[in-house]
Amino acid sequence: MKKKTIKENRIIRFHKAQENNNQVSDKYVDDEKLVEEESEQINTNEIGEGKSKKVNTDEEDEEEQNRRKIYKAYEELKDTVKDVILDRRTSNMIGVFGINADNVVNMFCRKSDSLTEKNYLGKICYSEAMDIYNSIAALLIEYVQKQLPQRWYYGNNADLVEQIENVYVNPNEDLSNEYSTLRGLSKISKKYQRERNILGIISNLKRINTGINKYFLIVELEDLNYDVLNKLSKLDNSNLVIIVHALYRTDSIDEDILFKFFTYKNCIKAEGIIRRKKAQKKQKNYCCC
């Protein structure tokens, strides 16, 4: 009976040892799998970080290229203006077109020595509902009030203010209801002499401010409106530099229209980097038959 108990105890002890060995080996396997999974996760994270760094680098390179293109177009605009000031160009109307046209012109306004407080008439942001000559008249009256003493433009040369007022046309005025036919014809005649009045005003301003060579006017276009470009081209004069800019790619503009109003040398491209769009996964179409 005693021997049997020892034998049974030995058997029990043996089975317990085997169970412990299995538990140790299983735990070792589990730890090994955990290490492999962690290393795989680390490798995946490193690859992901590498891809994100590459994407960031590509975007930084594109931004740097974009900055260089803007600065190159700015330098071209600056040189063109210098040639216009020195009367080396046949036209004083300059066009800046492209996705970065506004950035280039804004840089010119900030950095160029050619543009000063004295010779800058102002900027017009033109939209379809506006009258371009009325907008210029508004800039001129603001310029005169700011740059000339009040006693001057209301006293000795009140005719200058009257000239500016003659440029303005009420868009809602119905000339067919004029009591006097002669008065109505006079207003129609005045309407067709507006560009002459504007140039006369600028000539008078130049006579007063003898130190100014040319005045500057900047026009931002929402659309390439033929009528507006035609009216601005009638103001092309040795006393006035007009810088027109619009966010239109030059390759999308009809060159016949473009070079009708701008000479080839006076047309500046301010294109930018076209960012590559990420490819989108196509959704599967499930059809029910």
C-alpha atoms as a PDB file:
ATOM      1  CA  MET A   1       0.000   0.000   0.000  1.00  0.00           C
ATOM      2  CA  LYS A   2       2.893   2.311   0.780  1.00  0.00           C
ATOM      3  CA  LYS A   3       4.695   1.569  -2.498  1.00  0.00           C
ATOM      4  CA  LYS A   4       1.587   2.324  -4.462  1.00  0.00           C
ATOM      5  CA  THR A   5       1.293   5.702  -2.836  1.00  0.00           C
ATOM      6  CA  ILE A   6       4.876   6.641  -3.730  1.00  0.00           C
ATOM      7  CA  LYS A   7       4.350   5.494  -7.301  1.00  0.00           C
ATOM      8  CA  GLU A   8       1.167   7.461  -7.545  1.00  0.00           C
ATOM      9  CA  ASN A   9       2.909  10.485  -6.073  1.00  0.00           C
ATOM     10  CA  ARG A  10       5.724  10.156  -8.583  1.00  0.00           C
ATOM     11  CA  ILE A  11       3.249   9.969 -11.418  1.00  0.00           C
ATOM     12  CA  ILE A  12       1.482  13.030 -10.106  1.00  0.00           C
ATOM     13  CA  ARG A  13       4.760  14.905  -9.774  1.00  0.00           C
ATOM     14  CA  PHE A  14       5.735  13.983 -13.321  1.00  0.00           C
ATOM     15  CA  HIS A  15       2.479  15.195 -14.800  1.00  0.00           C
ATOM     16  CA  LYS A  16       2.770  18.481 -12.943  1.00  0.00           C
ATOM     17  CA  ALA A  17       6.294  19.022 -14.249  1.00  0.00           C
ATOM     18  CA  GLN A  18       5.134  18.352 -17.843  1.00  0.00           C
ATOM     19  CA  GLU A  19       2.316  20.832 -17.488  1.00  0.00           C
ATOM     20  CA  ASN A  20       4.761  23.471 -16.215  1.00  0.00           C
ATOM     21  CA  ASN A  21       7.099  22.831 -19.141  1.00  0.00           C
ATOM     22  CA  ASN A  22       4.246  23.277 -21.604  1.00  0.00           C
ATOM     23  CA  GLN A  23       3.251  26.544 -19.959  1.00  0.00           C
ATOM     24  CA  VAL A  24       6.815  27.875 -20.122  1.00  0.00           C
ATOM     25  CA  SER A  25       7.231  26.912 -23.768  1.00  0.00           C
ATOM     26  CA  ASP A  26       3.832  28.406 -24.692  1.00  0.00           C
ATOM     27  CA  LYS A  27       4.741  31.625 -22.955  1.00  0.00           C
ATOM     28  CA  TYR A  28       8.055  31.759 -24.806  1.00  0.00           C
ATOM     29  CA  VAL A  29       6.256  31.343 -28.133  1.00  0.00           C
ATOM     30  CA  ASP A  30       3.763  34.070 -27.226  1.00  0.00           C
ATOM     31  CA  ASP A  31       6.606  36.474 -26.295  1.00  0.00           C
ATOM     32  CA  GLU A  32       8.368  35.715 -29.556  1.00  0.00           C
ATOM     33  CA  LYS A  33       5.225  36.506 -31.554  1.00  0.00           C
ATOM     34  CA  LEU A  34       4.785  39.763 -29.614  1.00  0.00           C
ATOM     35  CA  VAL A  35       8.369  40.832 -30.442  1.00  0.00           C
ATOM     36  CA  GLU A  36       7.802  40.051 -34.141  1.00  0.00           C
ATOM     37  CA  GLU A  37       4.534  42.019 -34.198  1.00  0.00           C
ATOM     38  CA  GLU A  38       6.195  45.003 -32.482  1.00  0.00           C
ATOM     39  CA  SER A  39       9.106  44.966 -34.937  1.00  0.00           C
ATOM     40  CA  GLU A  40       6.704  44.785 -37.880  1.00  0.00           C
ATOM     41  CA  GLN A  41       4.743  47.754 -36.458  1.00  0.00           C
ATOM     42  CA  ILE A  42       7.975  49.744 -36.021  1.00  0.00           C
ATOM     43  CA  ASN A  43       8.989  49.012 -39.624  1.00  0.00           C
ATOM     44  CA  THR A  44       5.524  50.045 -40.856  1.00  0.00           C
ATOM     45  CA  ASN A  45       5.694  53.288 -38.885  1.00  0.00           C
ATOM     46  CA  GLU A  46       9.150  54.048 -40.287  1.00  0.00           C
ATOM     47  CA  ILE A  47       7.893  53.484 -43.843  1.00  0.00           C
ATOM     48  CA  GLY A  48       4.875  55.702 -43.143  1.00  0.00           C
ATOM     49  CA  GLU A  49       7.100  58.438 -41.736  1.00  0.00           C
ATOM     50  CA  GLY A  50       9.350  58.128 -44.790  1.00  0.00           C
ATOM     51  CA  LYS A  51       6.386  58.552 -47.126  1.00  0.00           C
ATOM     52  CA  SER A  52       5.067  61.573 -45.208  1.00  0.00           C
ATOM     53  CA  LYS A  53       8.538  63.154 -45.276  1.00  0.00           C
ATOM     54  CA  LYS A  54       8.694  62.597 -49.032  1.00  0.00           C
ATOM     55  CA  VAL A  55       5.239  64.178 -49.503  1.00  0.00           C
ATOM     56  CA  ASN A  56       6.248  67.164 -47.373  1.00  0.00           C
ATOM     57  CA  THR A  57       9.496  67.534 -49.337  1.00  0.00           C
ATOM     58  CA  ASP A  58       7.611  67.468 -52.652  1.00  0.00           C
ATOM     59  CA  GLU A  59       5.204  70.146 -51.432  1.00  0.00           C
ATOM     60  CA  GLU A  60       8.097  72.294 -50.191  1.00  0.00           C
ATOM     61  CA  ASP A  61       9.826  71.936 -53.583  1.00  0.00           C
ATOM     62  CA  GLU A  62       6.635  72.996 -55.374  1.00  0.00           C
ATOM     63  CA  GLU A  63       6.238  76.022 -53.104  1.00  0.00           C
ATOM     64  CA  GLU A  64       9.855  77.010 -53.711  1.00  0.00           C
ATOM     65  CA  GLN A  65       9.370  76.705 -57.492  1.00  0.00           C
ATOM     66  CA  ASN A  66       6.202  78.770 -57.195  1.00  0.00           C
ATOM     67  CA  ARG A  67       8.042  81.519 -55.292  1.00  0.00           C
ATOM     68  CA  ARG A  68      10.755  81.582 -57.936  1.00  0.00           C
ATOM     69  CA  LYS A  69       8.192  81.910 -60.732  1.00  0.00           C
ATOM     70  CA  ILE A  70       6.458  84.783 -58.925  1.00  0.00           C
ATOM     71  CA  TYR A  71       9.758  86.587 -58.393  1.00  0.00           C
ATOM     72  CA  LYS A  72      10.807  86.035 -62.025  1.00  0.00           C
ATOM     73  CA  ALA A  73       7.506  87.519 -63.278  1.00  0.00           C
ATOM     74  CA  TYR A  74       7.917  90.425 -60.831  1.00  0.00           C
ATOM     75  CA  GLU A  75      11.393  91.162 -62.217  1.00  0.00           C
ATOM     76  CA  GLU A  76       9.971  91.079 -65.746  1.00  0.00           C
ATOM     77  CA  LEU A  77       7.170  93.492 -64.766  1.00  0.00           C
ATOM     78  CA  LYS A  78       9.670  95.808 -63.067  1.00  0.00           C
ATOM     79  CA  ASP A  79      11.897  95.885 -66.177  1.00  0.00           C
ATOM     80  CA  THR A  80       8.887  96.480 -68.439  1.00  0.00           C
ATOM     81  CA  VAL A  81       7.779  99.440 -66.322  1.00  0.00           C
ATOM     82  CA  LYS A  82      11.294 100.911 -66.448  1.00  0.00           C
ATOM     83  CA  ASP A  83      11.260 100.659 -70.258  1.00  0.00           C
ATOM     84  CA  VAL A  84       7.840 102.330 -70.359  1.00  0.00           C
ATOM     85  CA  ILE A  85       9.060 105.167 -68.130  1.00  0.00           C
ATOM     86  CA  LEU A  86      12.035 105.686 -70.455  1.00  0.00           C
ATOM     87  CA  ASP A  87       9.663 105.606 -73.469  1.00  0.00           C
ATOM     88  CA  ARG A  88      11.287 102.473 -74.890  1.00  0.00           C
ATOM     89  CA  ARG A  89       7.903 100.827 -75.477  1.00  0.00           C
ATOM     90  CA  THR A  90       5.268 101.749 -78.033  1.00  0.00           C
ATOM     91  CA  SER A  91       2.465 101.091 -75.533  1.00  0.00           C
ATOM     92  CA  ASN A  92       2.040 102.165 -71.909  1.00  0.00           C
ATOM     93  CA  MET A  93      -0.556  99.475 -71.214  1.00  0.00           C
ATOM     94  CA  ILE A  94       0.884  96.378 -69.510  1.00  0.00           C
ATOM     95  CA  GLY A  95      -0.895  93.056 -68.994  1.00  0.00           C
ATOM     96  CA  VAL A  96      -0.080  90.489 -66.300  1.00  0.00           C
ATOM     97  CA  PHE A  97      -1.945  87.196 -66.679  1.00  0.00           C
ATOM     98  CA  GLY A  98      -1.821  83.860 -64.881  1.00  0.00           C
ATOM     99  CA  ILE A  99      -2.690  82.186 -61.621  1.00  0.00           C
ATOM    100  CA  ASN A 100      -0.132  84.344 -59.758  1.00  0.00           C
ATOM    101  CA  ALA A 101      -0.911  87.658 -61.496  1.00  0.00           C
ATOM    102  CA  ASP A 102      -2.263  89.236 -58.297  1.00  0.00           C
ATOM    103  CA  ASN A 103       0.796  88.136 -56.285  1.00  0.00           C
ATOM    104  CA  VAL A 104       3.162  89.602 -58.886  1.00  0.00           C
ATOM    105  CA  VAL A 105       1.369  92.971 -59.049  1.00  0.00           C
ATOM    106  CA  ASN A 106       1.099  93.158 -55.244  1.00  0.00           C
ATOM    107  CA  MET A 107       4.840  92.503 -54.988  1.00  0.00           C
ATOM    108  CA  PHE A 108       5.443  95.285 -57.522  1.00  0.00           C
ATOM    109  CA  CYS A 109       3.352  97.692 -55.438  1.00  0.00           C
ATOM    110  CA  ARG A 110       5.336  96.814 -52.303  1.00  0.00           C
ATOM    111  CA  LYS A 111       8.876  96.673 -53.677  1.00  0.00           C
ATOM    112  CA  SER A 112       9.240  98.740 -56.844  1.00  0.00           C
ATOM    113  CA  ASP A 113      10.805 102.191 -56.627  1.00  0.00           C
ATOM    114  CA  SER A 114       8.883 103.253 -59.750  1.00  0.00           C
ATOM    115  CA  LEU A 115       5.620 103.436 -57.812  1.00  0.00           C
ATOM    116  CA  THR A 116       5.297 106.209 -55.230  1.00  0.00           C
ATOM    117  CA  GLU A 117       2.525 107.852 -53.252  1.00  0.00           C
ATOM    118  CA  LYS A 118       2.708 110.869 -55.573  1.00  0.00           C
ATOM    119  CA  ASN A 119       2.385 109.093 -58.931  1.00  0.00           C
ATOM    120  CA  TYR A 120      -0.004 106.272 -57.919  1.00  0.00           C
ATOM    121  CA  LEU A 121      -3.622 107.078 -58.760  1.00  0.00           C
ATOM    122  CA  GLY A 122      -4.957 103.861 -57.208  1.00  0.00           C
ATOM    123  CA  LYS A 123      -6.332 100.427 -57.980  1.00  0.00           C
ATOM    124  CA  ILE A 124      -9.698  99.388 -59.430  1.00  0.00           C
ATOM    125  CA  CYS A 125     -11.097  95.901 -58.776  1.00  0.00           C
ATOM    126  CA  TYR A 126     -13.421  95.763 -61.740  1.00  0.00           C
ATOM    127  CA  SER A 127     -16.552  93.625 -61.910  1.00  0.00           C
ATOM    128  CA  GLU A 128     -19.156  93.338 -64.633  1.00  0.00           C
ATOM    129  CA  ALA A 129     -21.654  95.765 -63.063  1.00  0.00           C
ATOM    130  CA  MET A 130     -19.172  98.664 -62.894  1.00  0.00           C
ATOM    131  CA  ASP A 131     -18.491 101.578 -65.253  1.00  0.00           C
ATOM    132  CA  ILE A 132     -14.699 101.718 -65.687  1.00  0.00           C
ATOM    133  CA  TYR A 133     -14.620 105.466 -66.440  1.00  0.00           C
ATOM    134  CA  ASN A 134     -16.766 106.262 -63.391  1.00  0.00           C
ATOM    135  CA  SER A 135     -14.340 104.215 -61.282  1.00  0.00           C
ATOM    136  CA  ILE A 136     -11.374 106.159 -62.666  1.00  0.00           C
ATOM    137  CA  ALA A 137     -13.171 109.461 -61.963  1.00  0.00           C
ATOM    138  CA  ALA A 138     -13.698 108.342 -58.342  1.00  0.00           C
ATOM    139  CA  LEU A 139      -9.959 107.574 -57.996  1.00  0.00           C
ATOM    140  CA  LEU A 140      -9.019 110.923 -59.535  1.00  0.00           C
ATOM    141  CA  ILE A 141     -11.203 112.956 -57.170  1.00  0.00           C
ATOM    142  CA  GLU A 142      -9.811 110.994 -54.204  1.00  0.00           C
ATOM    143  CA  TYR A 143      -6.254 111.557 -55.430  1.00  0.00           C
ATOM    144  CA  VAL A 144      -6.786 115.299 -55.907  1.00  0.00           C
ATOM    145  CA  GLN A 145      -8.335 115.689 -52.454  1.00  0.00           C
ATOM    146  CA  LYS A 146      -5.461 113.768 -50.864  1.00  0.00           C
ATOM    147  CA  GLN A 147      -2.483 115.190 -52.757  1.00  0.00           C
ATOM    148  CA  LEU A 148      -3.465 118.803 -53.396  1.00  0.00           C
ATOM    149  CA  PRO A 149      -4.251 121.460 -50.775  1.00  0.00           C
ATOM    150  CA  GLN A 150      -7.952 122.173 -50.403  1.00  0.00           C
ATOM    151  CA  ARG A 151      -7.533 125.850 -51.259  1.00  0.00           C
ATOM    152  CA  TRP A 152      -5.807 124.830 -54.487  1.00  0.00           C
ATOM    153  CA  TYR A 153      -8.422 122.583 -56.083  1.00  0.00           C
ATOM    154  CA  TYR A 154     -11.386 124.620 -54.878  1.00  0.00           C
ATOM    155  CA  GLY A 155      -9.768 128.012 -55.505  1.00  0.00           C
ATOM    156  CA  ASN A 156      -7.358 128.670 -58.318  1.00  0.00           C
ATOM    157  CA  ASN A 157      -8.121 125.562 -60.383  1.00  0.00           C
ATOM    158  CA  ALA A 158     -11.727 124.640 -59.695  1.00  0.00           C
ATOM    159  CA  ASP A 159     -11.960 123.652 -63.372  1.00  0.00           C
ATOM    160  CA  LEU A 160      -9.968 120.502 -62.553  1.00  0.00           C
ATOM    161  CA  VAL A 161     -12.731 119.259 -60.263  1.00  0.00           C
ATOM    162  CA  GLU A 162     -15.276 120.200 -62.913  1.00  0.00           C
ATOM    163  CA  GLN A 163     -13.337 118.133 -65.457  1.00  0.00           C
ATOM    164  CA  ILE A 164     -13.485 115.106 -63.160  1.00  0.00           C
ATOM    165  CA  GLU A 165     -17.209 115.612 -62.622  1.00  0.00           C
ATOM    166  CA  ASN A 166     -17.712 115.672 -66.407  1.00  0.00           C
ATOM    167  CA  VAL A 167     -16.278 112.139 -66.628  1.00  0.00           C
ATOM    168  CA  TYR A 168     -19.017 110.755 -64.409  1.00  0.00           C
ATOM    169  CA  VAL A 169     -22.139 109.415 -66.128  1.00  0.00           C
ATOM    170  CA  ASN A 170     -25.213 108.318 -64.198  1.00  0.00           C
ATOM    171  CA  PRO A 171     -25.922 104.776 -65.453  1.00  0.00           C
ATOM    172  CA  ASN A 172     -29.613 105.111 -64.524  1.00  0.00           C
ATOM    173  CA  GLU A 173     -30.147 108.380 -66.387  1.00  0.00           C
ATOM    174  CA  ASP A 174     -32.613 108.151 -69.280  1.00  0.00           C
ATOM    175  CA  LEU A 175     -31.595 110.695 -71.917  1.00  0.00           C
ATOM    176  CA  SER A 176     -34.775 110.109 -73.941  1.00  0.00           C
ATOM    177  CA  ASN A 177     -36.761 111.994 -71.277  1.00  0.00           C
ATOM    178  CA  GLU A 178     -34.731 115.193 -71.651  1.00  0.00           C
ATOM    179  CA  TYR A 179     -37.008 118.218 -72.046  1.00  0.00           C
ATOM    180  CA  SER A 180     -34.552 119.862 -74.411  1.00  0.00           C
ATOM    181  CA  THR A 181     -33.237 117.857 -77.349  1.00  0.00           C
ATOM    182  CA  LEU A 182     -30.147 120.039 -77.426  1.00  0.00           C
ATOM    183  CA  ARG A 183     -29.440 119.310 -73.769  1.00  0.00           C
ATOM    184  CA  GLY A 184     -29.834 115.575 -74.380  1.00  0.00           C
ATOM    185  CA  LEU A 185     -27.450 115.687 -77.366  1.00  0.00           C
ATOM    186  CA  SER A 186     -24.951 117.632 -75.275  1.00  0.00           C
ATOM    187  CA  LYS A 187     -24.974 114.896 -72.616  1.00  0.00           C
ATOM    188  CA  ILE A 188     -24.535 112.197 -75.265  1.00  0.00           C
ATOM    189  CA  SER A 189     -21.597 114.140 -76.717  1.00  0.00           C
ATOM    190  CA  LYS A 190     -20.061 114.452 -73.254  1.00  0.00           C
ATOM    191  CA  LYS A 191     -20.420 110.709 -72.753  1.00  0.00           C
ATOM    192  CA  TYR A 192     -18.280 110.024 -75.805  1.00  0.00           C
ATOM    193  CA  GLN A 193     -15.559 112.449 -74.696  1.00  0.00           C
ATOM    194  CA  ARG A 194     -14.900 110.870 -71.328  1.00  0.00           C
ATOM    195  CA  GLU A 195     -11.511 109.380 -72.218  1.00  0.00           C
ATOM    196  CA  ARG A 196     -10.411 112.779 -73.567  1.00  0.00           C
ATOM    197  CA  ASN A 197     -11.453 114.391 -70.278  1.00  0.00           C
ATOM    198  CA  ILE A 198      -9.544 111.794 -68.242  1.00  0.00           C
ATOM    199  CA  LEU A 199      -6.351 112.354 -70.245  1.00  0.00           C
ATOM    200  CA  GLY A 200      -6.847 116.125 -69.903  1.00  0.00           C
ATOM    201  CA  ILE A 201      -7.101 115.764 -66.125  1.00  0.00           C
ATOM    202  CA  ILE A 202      -3.904 113.697 -65.944  1.00  0.00           C
ATOM    203  CA  SER A 203      -2.116 116.219 -68.158  1.00  0.00           C
ATOM    204  CA  ASN A 204      -3.172 119.033 -65.802  1.00  0.00           C
ATOM    205  CA  LEU A 205      -2.030 117.025 -62.762  1.00  0.00           C
ATOM    206  CA  LYS A 206       1.353 116.496 -64.388  1.00  0.00           C
ATOM    207  CA  ARG A 207       1.613 120.229 -65.052  1.00  0.00           C
ATOM    208  CA  ILE A 208       1.019 120.897 -61.349  1.00  0.00           C
ATOM    209  CA  ASN A 209       3.316 118.129 -60.071  1.00  0.00           C
ATOM    210  CA  THR A 210       6.271 118.872 -62.318  1.00  0.00           C
ATOM    211  CA  GLY A 211       8.462 116.196 -60.717  1.00  0.00           C
ATOM    212  CA  ILE A 212       6.241 113.316 -61.898  1.00  0.00           C
ATOM    213  CA  ASN A 213       7.068 111.623 -65.197  1.00  0.00           C
ATOM    214  CA  LYS A 214       4.115 109.238 -65.447  1.00  0.00           C
ATOM    215  CA  TYR A 215       1.080 108.347 -63.364  1.00  0.00           C
ATOM    216  CA  PHE A 216       0.136 104.751 -62.574  1.00  0.00           C
ATOM    217  CA  LEU A 217      -3.262 103.077 -62.610  1.00  0.00           C
ATOM    218  CA  ILE A 218      -3.809  99.404 -61.695  1.00  0.00           C
ATOM    219  CA  VAL A 219      -6.907  97.523 -62.845  1.00  0.00           C
ATOM    220  CA  GLU A 220      -7.759  94.026 -61.615  1.00  0.00           C
ATOM    221  CA  LEU A 221     -10.194  92.265 -63.947  1.00  0.00           C
ATOM    222  CA  GLU A 222     -12.634  89.589 -62.882  1.00  0.00           C
ATOM    223  CA  ASP A 223     -13.268  88.696 -66.537  1.00  0.00           C
ATOM    224  CA  LEU A 224     -11.483  89.633 -69.747  1.00  0.00           C
ATOM    225  CA  ASN A 225     -14.188  92.041 -70.860  1.00  0.00           C
ATOM    226  CA  TYR A 226     -13.661  93.312 -74.422  1.00  0.00           C
ATOM    227  CA  ASP A 227     -15.485  96.602 -73.765  1.00  0.00           C
ATOM    228  CA  VAL A 228     -13.361  97.384 -70.680  1.00  0.00           C
ATOM    229  CA  LEU A 229     -10.080  96.568 -72.436  1.00  0.00           C
ATOM    230  CA  ASN A 230     -11.154  98.708 -75.378  1.00  0.00           C
ATOM    231  CA  LYS A 231     -11.939 101.679 -73.080  1.00  0.00           C
ATOM    232  CA  LEU A 232      -8.646 101.306 -71.213  1.00  0.00           C
ATOM    233  CA  SER A 233      -6.714 101.137 -74.490  1.00  0.00           C
ATOM    234  CA  LYS A 234      -8.126 104.580 -75.383  1.00  0.00           C
ATOM    235  CA  LEU A 235      -6.305 105.938 -72.323  1.00  0.00           C
ATOM    236  CA  ASP A 236      -2.950 104.641 -73.588  1.00  0.00           C
ATOM    237  CA  ASN A 237      -0.966 107.839 -73.256  1.00  0.00           C
ATOM    238  CA  SER A 238       2.592 108.929 -72.538  1.00  0.00           C
ATOM    239  CA  ASN A 239       1.466 110.399 -69.189  1.00  0.00           C
ATOM    240  CA  LEU A 240      -0.272 107.268 -67.872  1.00  0.00           C
ATOM    241  CA  VAL A 241       0.876 103.674 -67.240  1.00  0.00           C
ATOM    242  CA  ILE A 242      -1.992 101.184 -66.943  1.00  0.00           C
ATOM    243  CA  ILE A 243      -1.231  97.768 -65.414  1.00  0.00           C
ATOM    244  CA  VAL A 244      -4.048  95.290 -66.070  1.00  0.00           C
ATOM    245  CA  HIS A 245      -3.994  91.911 -64.373  1.00  0.00           C
ATOM    246  CA  ALA A 246      -6.302  88.898 -64.266  1.00  0.00           C
ATOM    247  CA  LEU A 247      -6.148  85.313 -63.011  1.00  0.00           C
ATOM    248  CA  TYR A 248      -6.308  83.864 -66.506  1.00  0.00           C
ATOM    249  CA  ARG A 249      -3.772  81.385 -67.829  1.00  0.00           C
ATOM    250  CA  THR A 250      -2.196  82.875 -70.940  1.00  0.00           C
ATOM    251  CA  ASP A 251      -2.627  79.632 -72.878  1.00  0.00           C
ATOM    252  CA  SER A 252      -6.394  79.820 -72.302  1.00  0.00           C
ATOM    253  CA  ILE A 253      -6.744  83.334 -73.774  1.00  0.00           C
ATOM    254  CA  ASP A 254      -7.355  83.980 -77.451  1.00  0.00           C
ATOM    255  CA  GLU A 255      -4.085  85.559 -78.598  1.00  0.00           C
ATOM    256  CA  ASP A 256      -5.830  87.575 -81.316  1.00  0.00           C
ATOM    257  CA  ILE A 257      -7.848  89.361 -78.625  1.00  0.00           C
ATOM    258  CA  LEU A 258      -4.946  89.573 -76.167  1.00  0.00           C
ATOM    259  CA  PHE A 259      -2.477  91.160 -78.590  1.00  0.00           C
ATOM    260  CA  LYS A 260      -5.095  93.543 -79.893  1.00  0.00           C
ATOM    261  CA  PHE A 261      -4.732  95.463 -76.623  1.00  0.00           C
ATOM    262  CA  PHE A 262      -1.243  94.443 -75.419  1.00  0.00           C
ATOM    263  CA  THR A 263       2.014  94.262 -77.312  1.00  0.00           C
ATOM    264  CA  TYR A 264       3.941  91.011 -77.085  1.00  0.00           C
ATOM    265  CA  LYS A 265       6.657  92.667 -74.943  1.00  0.00           C
ATOM    266  CA  ASN A 266       4.072  94.178 -72.596  1.00  0.00           C
ATOM    267  CA  CYS A 267       2.326  90.875 -71.833  1.00  0.00           C
ATOM    268  CA  ILE A 268       3.736  89.056 -68.793  1.00  0.00           C
ATOM    269  CA  LYS A 269       3.044  85.464 -67.788  1.00  0.00           C
ATOM    270  CA  ALA A 270       2.579  84.923 -64.067  1.00  0.00           C
ATOM    271  CA  GLU A 271       1.846  81.209 -64.112  1.00  0.00           C
ATOM    272  CA  GLY A 272       2.222  78.974 -61.079  1.00  0.00           C
ATOM    273  CA  ILE A 273       2.672  75.344 -60.146  1.00  0.00           C
ATOM    274  CA  ILE A 274      -0.313  73.147 -60.913  1.00  0.00           C
ATOM    275  CA  ARG A 275      -0.578  70.803 -57.949  1.00  0.00           C
ATOM    276  CA  ARG A 276      -1.033  67.162 -58.767  1.00  0.00           C
ATOM    277  CA  LYS A 277      -4.368  65.878 -57.579  1.00  0.00           C
ATOM    278  CA  LYS A 278      -4.376  62.655 -55.600  1.00  0.00           C
ATOM    279  CA  ALA A 279      -5.897  59.775 -57.498  1.00  0.00           C
ATOM    280  CA  GLN A 280      -9.255  58.870 -56.118  1.00  0.00           C
ATOM    281  CA  LYS A 281     -10.348  55.260 -55.864  1.00  0.00           C
ATOM    282  CA  LYS A 282     -13.147  54.435 -58.231  1.00  0.00           C
ATOM    283  CA  GLN A 283     -16.241  53.172 -56.510  1.00  0.00           C
ATOM    284  CA  LYS A 284     -17.554  49.873 -57.717  1.00  0.00           C
ATOM    285  CA  ASN A 285     -20.882  50.005 -59.407  1.00  0.00           C
ATOM    286  CA  TYR A 286     -23.191  47.263 -58.308  1.00  0.00           C
ATOM    287  CA  CYS A 287     -25.958  46.526 -60.771  1.00  0.00           C
ATOM    288  CA  CYS A 288     -29.088  44.637 -59.860  1.00  0.00           C
ATOM    289  CA  CYS A 289     -30.229  42.477 -62.750  1.00  0.00           C
END
